[in-house]
Amino acid sequence: MNRIVLASMAALMSAGAFAAPVTYTLDPSHTYPSFPAVHMGGLSVWRGKFDSTSGKVVYDKAAKSGSIEVTVDMSSIDFGMPKLNEHAKSAEIFDVAKYPTATYAGKFTKFNGASPTEAEGTLTMHGVTKPVTLKIDSFLCKPNPMSKKEVCGADATATFNRADFGVNFGEKYGFKQEVTLQIQVEGSPAA
């Protein structure tokens, strides 16, 4: 009888030793989605970014699982050129009056050790939802040296055809429709 009780206690204690999923709130001031945009069929390359994002990552290191949800304020687009920013916001390109946000929701699907290296999910932009895979080039969790609180950060990329989302301005002029989105992101455990 004592063996059964001890075995049951050991099983419960070891089950409790496994880490539970942790939810990380993305820090908008340390999140930087950007992309190159070929102008005039290769005449030059402009680099755009979005200044306002929000979201969360749920990460279970022990179970090698997790998910990501991100919302981008499309009106926060910035090419470093006010006239181009306004054109990008217009109905001719992103139509931010009608489609104010873009969202990505996915699940971690590949890992290197405990670190995710890929997420498969869907991107909703310009009223269209399509599958998009994020390649996670780096993923690290560690104590912030200033706050001493744990933070996680990642560098990820995703490549897709913007015309698939109805954002095909310039196609008839030879503008490249393939976009590589580059994302640097950091987050802290949700309170």
C-alpha atoms as a PDB file:
ATOM      1  CA  MET A   1       0.000   0.000   0.000  1.00  0.00           C
ATOM      2  CA  ASN A   2       2.801   2.433   0.901  1.00  0.00           C
ATOM      3  CA  ARG A   3       4.449   1.742  -2.451  1.00  0.00           C
ATOM      4  CA  ILE A   4       1.255   2.658  -4.299  1.00  0.00           C
ATOM      5  CA  VAL A   5       0.873   5.885  -2.308  1.00  0.00           C
ATOM      6  CA  LEU A   6       4.525   6.801  -2.828  1.00  0.00           C
ATOM      7  CA  ALA A   7       4.311   5.993  -6.550  1.00  0.00           C
ATOM      8  CA  SER A   8       1.163   8.109  -6.878  1.00  0.00           C
ATOM      9  CA  MET A   9       2.782  11.022  -5.048  1.00  0.00           C
ATOM     10  CA  ALA A  10       5.903  10.762  -7.219  1.00  0.00           C
ATOM     11  CA  ALA A  11       3.751  10.765 -10.353  1.00  0.00           C
ATOM     12  CA  LEU A  12       1.831  13.825  -9.195  1.00  0.00           C
ATOM     13  CA  MET A  13       4.995  15.662  -8.240  1.00  0.00           C
ATOM     14  CA  SER A  14       6.691  14.906 -11.556  1.00  0.00           C
ATOM     15  CA  ALA A  15       3.557  15.945 -13.475  1.00  0.00           C
ATOM     16  CA  GLY A  16       3.609  19.240 -11.578  1.00  0.00           C
ATOM     17  CA  ALA A  17       7.268  19.737 -12.453  1.00  0.00           C
ATOM     18  CA  PHE A  18       6.427  20.232 -16.109  1.00  0.00           C
ATOM     19  CA  ALA A  19       6.143  23.860 -17.105  1.00  0.00           C
ATOM     20  CA  ALA A  20       2.748  25.144 -18.095  1.00  0.00           C
ATOM     21  CA  PRO A  21       2.217  27.280 -21.184  1.00  0.00           C
ATOM     22  CA  VAL A  22       3.167  30.919 -20.644  1.00  0.00           C
ATOM     23  CA  THR A  23       1.401  33.783 -22.416  1.00  0.00           C
ATOM     24  CA  TYR A  24       3.672  36.612 -23.546  1.00  0.00           C
ATOM     25  CA  THR A  25       2.252  40.018 -24.444  1.00  0.00           C
ATOM     26  CA  LEU A  26       4.067  41.547 -27.385  1.00  0.00           C
ATOM     27  CA  ASP A  27       5.789  44.845 -26.643  1.00  0.00           C
ATOM     28  CA  PRO A  28       4.764  47.332 -29.374  1.00  0.00           C
ATOM     29  CA  SER A  29       7.903  49.401 -28.781  1.00  0.00           C
ATOM     30  CA  HIS A  30      10.064  46.320 -29.459  1.00  0.00           C
ATOM     31  CA  THR A  31       8.046  44.892 -32.363  1.00  0.00           C
ATOM     32  CA  TYR A  32       9.054  45.887 -35.856  1.00  0.00           C
ATOM     33  CA  PRO A  33       7.294  44.366 -38.890  1.00  0.00           C
ATOM     34  CA  SER A  34       8.899  45.706 -42.062  1.00  0.00           C
ATOM     35  CA  PHE A  35       9.146  44.862 -45.740  1.00  0.00           C
ATOM     36  CA  PRO A  36      10.951  45.945 -48.901  1.00  0.00           C
ATOM     37  CA  ALA A  37       8.743  47.249 -51.717  1.00  0.00           C
ATOM     38  CA  VAL A  38      10.140  47.303 -55.225  1.00  0.00           C
ATOM     39  CA  HIS A  39       9.318  50.617 -56.890  1.00  0.00           C
ATOM     40  CA  MET A  40       8.807  51.129 -60.621  1.00  0.00           C
ATOM     41  CA  GLY A  41       9.635  47.555 -61.578  1.00  0.00           C
ATOM     42  CA  GLY A  42      13.034  47.554 -59.891  1.00  0.00           C
ATOM     43  CA  LEU A  43      14.051  51.194 -60.257  1.00  0.00           C
ATOM     44  CA  SER A  44      14.513  51.369 -56.482  1.00  0.00           C
ATOM     45  CA  VAL A  45      13.528  49.502 -53.312  1.00  0.00           C
ATOM     46  CA  TRP A  46      11.598  51.303 -50.578  1.00  0.00           C
ATOM     47  CA  ARG A  47      11.401  49.853 -47.111  1.00  0.00           C
ATOM     48  CA  GLY A  48       8.139  50.146 -45.251  1.00  0.00           C
ATOM     49  CA  LYS A  49       7.304  49.366 -41.644  1.00  0.00           C
ATOM     50  CA  PHE A  50       4.292  49.375 -39.378  1.00  0.00           C
ATOM     51  CA  ASP A  51       4.610  51.440 -36.197  1.00  0.00           C
ATOM     52  CA  SER A  52       1.615  50.050 -34.294  1.00  0.00           C
ATOM     53  CA  THR A  53       1.142  46.373 -33.467  1.00  0.00           C
ATOM     54  CA  SER A  54      -0.294  44.252 -30.670  1.00  0.00           C
ATOM     55  CA  GLY A  55      -0.540  40.584 -29.910  1.00  0.00           C
ATOM     56  CA  LYS A  56       0.485  37.614 -27.846  1.00  0.00           C
ATOM     57  CA  VAL A  57       2.498  34.418 -27.992  1.00  0.00           C
ATOM     58  CA  VAL A  58       1.618  31.339 -25.972  1.00  0.00           C
ATOM     59  CA  TYR A  59       4.718  29.181 -25.480  1.00  0.00           C
ATOM     60  CA  ASP A  60       5.084  25.830 -23.770  1.00  0.00           C
ATOM     61  CA  LYS A  61       8.779  25.012 -23.744  1.00  0.00           C
ATOM     62  CA  ALA A  62       8.374  21.546 -22.217  1.00  0.00           C
ATOM     63  CA  ALA A  63       5.619  20.434 -24.599  1.00  0.00           C
ATOM     64  CA  LYS A  64       7.252  22.120 -27.624  1.00  0.00           C
ATOM     65  CA  SER A  65       4.046  23.852 -28.592  1.00  0.00           C
ATOM     66  CA  GLY A  66       2.661  27.329 -28.849  1.00  0.00           C
ATOM     67  CA  SER A  67       0.726  29.863 -30.829  1.00  0.00           C
ATOM     68  CA  ILE A  68       0.978  33.440 -32.018  1.00  0.00           C
ATOM     69  CA  GLU A  69      -1.629  36.149 -32.613  1.00  0.00           C
ATOM     70  CA  VAL A  70      -0.658  39.554 -34.009  1.00  0.00           C
ATOM     71  CA  THR A  71      -2.712  42.571 -35.077  1.00  0.00           C
ATOM     72  CA  VAL A  72      -1.176  45.318 -37.194  1.00  0.00           C
ATOM     73  CA  ASP A  73      -2.672  48.819 -37.453  1.00  0.00           C
ATOM     74  CA  MET A  74      -2.422  49.333 -41.216  1.00  0.00           C
ATOM     75  CA  SER A  75      -2.719  53.122 -40.893  1.00  0.00           C
ATOM     76  CA  SER A  76       0.630  53.103 -39.059  1.00  0.00           C
ATOM     77  CA  ILE A  77       2.528  52.319 -42.275  1.00  0.00           C
ATOM     78  CA  ASP A  78       5.683  54.370 -42.688  1.00  0.00           C
ATOM     79  CA  PHE A  79       7.992  54.484 -45.701  1.00  0.00           C
ATOM     80  CA  GLY A  80       9.779  57.584 -44.445  1.00  0.00           C
ATOM     81  CA  MET A  81       8.000  59.582 -47.151  1.00  0.00           C
ATOM     82  CA  PRO A  82       4.649  61.193 -46.212  1.00  0.00           C
ATOM     83  CA  LYS A  83       3.288  61.214 -49.786  1.00  0.00           C
ATOM     84  CA  LEU A  84       4.012  57.491 -50.211  1.00  0.00           C
ATOM     85  CA  ASN A  85       2.509  56.766 -46.772  1.00  0.00           C
ATOM     86  CA  GLU A  86      -0.752  58.450 -47.769  1.00  0.00           C
ATOM     87  CA  HIS A  87      -0.838  56.611 -51.107  1.00  0.00           C
ATOM     88  CA  ALA A  88      -0.282  53.268 -49.335  1.00  0.00           C
ATOM     89  CA  LYS A  89      -3.223  54.030 -47.006  1.00  0.00           C
ATOM     90  CA  SER A  90      -5.521  54.920 -49.931  1.00  0.00           C
ATOM     91  CA  ALA A  91      -8.125  52.666 -51.544  1.00  0.00           C
ATOM     92  CA  GLU A  92      -5.667  52.065 -54.380  1.00  0.00           C
ATOM     93  CA  ILE A  93      -3.360  50.023 -52.101  1.00  0.00           C
ATOM     94  CA  PHE A  94      -4.211  49.001 -48.491  1.00  0.00           C
ATOM     95  CA  ASP A  95      -7.542  50.870 -48.211  1.00  0.00           C
ATOM     96  CA  VAL A  96      -7.116  51.397 -44.474  1.00  0.00           C
ATOM     97  CA  ALA A  97     -10.498  53.143 -44.173  1.00  0.00           C
ATOM     98  CA  LYS A  98     -12.155  49.847 -45.128  1.00  0.00           C
ATOM     99  CA  TYR A  99      -9.504  47.427 -43.792  1.00  0.00           C
ATOM    100  CA  PRO A 100      -7.905  49.097 -40.758  1.00  0.00           C
ATOM    101  CA  THR A 101      -6.046  46.032 -39.473  1.00  0.00           C
ATOM    102  CA  ALA A 102      -4.191  42.962 -40.667  1.00  0.00           C
ATOM    103  CA  THR A 103      -3.971  39.898 -38.439  1.00  0.00           C
ATOM    104  CA  TYR A 104      -1.846  36.792 -38.244  1.00  0.00           C
ATOM    105  CA  ALA A 105      -2.769  33.721 -36.212  1.00  0.00           C
ATOM    106  CA  GLY A 106      -0.698  30.566 -36.211  1.00  0.00           C
ATOM    107  CA  LYS A 107       0.743  27.648 -34.282  1.00  0.00           C
ATOM    108  CA  PHE A 108       4.377  26.648 -33.837  1.00  0.00           C
ATOM    109  CA  THR A 109       4.971  23.618 -36.053  1.00  0.00           C
ATOM    110  CA  LYS A 110       8.738  23.022 -36.045  1.00  0.00           C
ATOM    111  CA  PHE A 111      11.328  23.224 -33.264  1.00  0.00           C
ATOM    112  CA  ASN A 112      15.078  23.085 -32.824  1.00  0.00           C
ATOM    113  CA  GLY A 113      15.365  21.746 -29.300  1.00  0.00           C
ATOM    114  CA  ALA A 114      12.845  23.799 -27.316  1.00  0.00           C
ATOM    115  CA  SER A 115      12.973  26.820 -29.675  1.00  0.00           C
ATOM    116  CA  PRO A 116      10.316  27.175 -32.383  1.00  0.00           C
ATOM    117  CA  THR A 117      11.654  27.516 -35.935  1.00  0.00           C
ATOM    118  CA  GLU A 118       8.373  27.724 -37.841  1.00  0.00           C
ATOM    119  CA  ALA A 119       4.752  28.739 -37.398  1.00  0.00           C
ATOM    120  CA  GLU A 120       1.953  27.864 -39.777  1.00  0.00           C
ATOM    121  CA  GLY A 121      -1.117  30.058 -39.780  1.00  0.00           C
ATOM    122  CA  THR A 122      -3.263  32.509 -41.651  1.00  0.00           C
ATOM    123  CA  LEU A 123      -2.777  36.129 -42.597  1.00  0.00           C
ATOM    124  CA  THR A 124      -5.883  38.265 -42.992  1.00  0.00           C
ATOM    125  CA  MET A 125      -5.196  41.457 -44.930  1.00  0.00           C
ATOM    126  CA  HIS A 126      -7.366  43.629 -47.148  1.00  0.00           C
ATOM    127  CA  GLY A 127     -10.353  41.400 -46.333  1.00  0.00           C
ATOM    128  CA  VAL A 128      -8.664  38.218 -47.605  1.00  0.00           C
ATOM    129  CA  THR A 129      -7.437  35.303 -45.476  1.00  0.00           C
ATOM    130  CA  LYS A 130      -4.693  33.019 -46.806  1.00  0.00           C
ATOM    131  CA  PRO A 131      -2.240  30.534 -45.273  1.00  0.00           C
ATOM    132  CA  VAL A 132       1.194  32.001 -44.519  1.00  0.00           C
ATOM    133  CA  THR A 133       4.172  30.247 -42.939  1.00  0.00           C
ATOM    134  CA  LEU A 134       6.537  32.164 -40.665  1.00  0.00           C
ATOM    135  CA  LYS A 135      10.167  31.057 -40.660  1.00  0.00           C
ATOM    136  CA  ILE A 136      11.576  31.801 -37.206  1.00  0.00           C
ATOM    137  CA  ASP A 137      15.283  32.501 -37.639  1.00  0.00           C
ATOM    138  CA  SER A 138      15.949  33.045 -33.937  1.00  0.00           C
ATOM    139  CA  PHE A 139      13.957  32.635 -30.727  1.00  0.00           C
ATOM    140  CA  LEU A 140      15.320  33.295 -27.246  1.00  0.00           C
ATOM    141  CA  CYS A 141      13.902  33.717 -23.755  1.00  0.00           C
ATOM    142  CA  LYS A 142      16.037  35.182 -20.962  1.00  0.00           C
ATOM    143  CA  PRO A 143      15.958  37.717 -18.118  1.00  0.00           C
ATOM    144  CA  ASN A 144      15.974  41.335 -19.242  1.00  0.00           C
ATOM    145  CA  PRO A 145      19.233  42.737 -17.809  1.00  0.00           C
ATOM    146  CA  MET A 146      17.491  45.962 -16.746  1.00  0.00           C
ATOM    147  CA  SER A 147      14.116  44.810 -15.421  1.00  0.00           C
ATOM    148  CA  LYS A 148      15.332  41.316 -14.387  1.00  0.00           C
ATOM    149  CA  LYS A 149      12.022  39.953 -15.732  1.00  0.00           C
ATOM    150  CA  GLU A 150      11.905  37.223 -18.344  1.00  0.00           C
ATOM    151  CA  VAL A 151      11.450  38.335 -21.952  1.00  0.00           C
ATOM    152  CA  CYS A 152      11.297  36.372 -25.181  1.00  0.00           C
ATOM    153  CA  GLY A 153      12.319  37.676 -28.555  1.00  0.00           C
ATOM    154  CA  ALA A 154      12.290  36.412 -32.109  1.00  0.00           C
ATOM    155  CA  ASP A 155      13.314  37.294 -35.610  1.00  0.00           C
ATOM    156  CA  ALA A 156      11.019  35.873 -38.293  1.00  0.00           C
ATOM    157  CA  THR A 157      10.264  36.157 -42.008  1.00  0.00           C
ATOM    158  CA  ALA A 158       7.332  35.320 -44.226  1.00  0.00           C
ATOM    159  CA  THR A 159       7.106  35.527 -48.014  1.00  0.00           C
ATOM    160  CA  PHE A 160       3.806  35.822 -49.858  1.00  0.00           C
ATOM    161  CA  ASN A 161       2.265  37.296 -53.005  1.00  0.00           C
ATOM    162  CA  ARG A 162       0.467  40.516 -52.102  1.00  0.00           C
ATOM    163  CA  ALA A 163      -1.777  40.220 -55.185  1.00  0.00           C
ATOM    164  CA  ASP A 164      -3.305  37.127 -53.541  1.00  0.00           C
ATOM    165  CA  PHE A 165      -4.701  39.556 -50.950  1.00  0.00           C
ATOM    166  CA  GLY A 166      -6.002  42.044 -53.524  1.00  0.00           C
ATOM    167  CA  VAL A 167      -3.111  44.471 -52.910  1.00  0.00           C
ATOM    168  CA  ASN A 168      -1.801  44.481 -56.473  1.00  0.00           C
ATOM    169  CA  PHE A 169      -1.097  48.142 -57.170  1.00  0.00           C
ATOM    170  CA  GLY A 170       1.661  48.546 -59.770  1.00  0.00           C
ATOM    171  CA  GLU A 171       1.344  45.039 -61.176  1.00  0.00           C
ATOM    172  CA  LYS A 172       0.674  46.403 -64.671  1.00  0.00           C
ATOM    173  CA  TYR A 173       3.802  48.568 -64.355  1.00  0.00           C
ATOM    174  CA  GLY A 174       6.001  45.604 -63.447  1.00  0.00           C
ATOM    175  CA  PHE A 175       6.045  46.153 -59.689  1.00  0.00           C
ATOM    176  CA  LYS A 176       7.082  42.958 -57.927  1.00  0.00           C
ATOM    177  CA  GLN A 177       4.123  41.352 -56.137  1.00  0.00           C
ATOM    178  CA  GLU A 178       6.122  39.008 -53.912  1.00  0.00           C
ATOM    179  CA  VAL A 179       6.747  40.474 -50.469  1.00  0.00           C
ATOM    180  CA  THR A 180       9.084  39.283 -47.743  1.00  0.00           C
ATOM    181  CA  LEU A 181       7.834  40.458 -44.373  1.00  0.00           C
ATOM    182  CA  GLN A 182      10.573  40.737 -41.745  1.00  0.00           C
ATOM    183  CA  ILE A 183       9.511  40.750 -38.117  1.00  0.00           C
ATOM    184  CA  GLN A 184      11.526  41.501 -35.001  1.00  0.00           C
ATOM    185  CA  VAL A 185       9.499  41.016 -31.848  1.00  0.00           C
ATOM    186  CA  GLU A 186       9.831  40.904 -28.058  1.00  0.00           C
ATOM    187  CA  GLY A 187       7.318  40.072 -25.370  1.00  0.00           C
ATOM    188  CA  SER A 188       6.967  39.659 -21.606  1.00  0.00           C
ATOM    189  CA  PRO A 189       4.765  37.302 -19.584  1.00  0.00           C
ATOM    190  CA  ALA A 190       1.210  38.623 -19.364  1.00  0.00           C
ATOM    191  CA  ALA A 191       0.308  40.013 -15.938  1.00  0.00           C
END
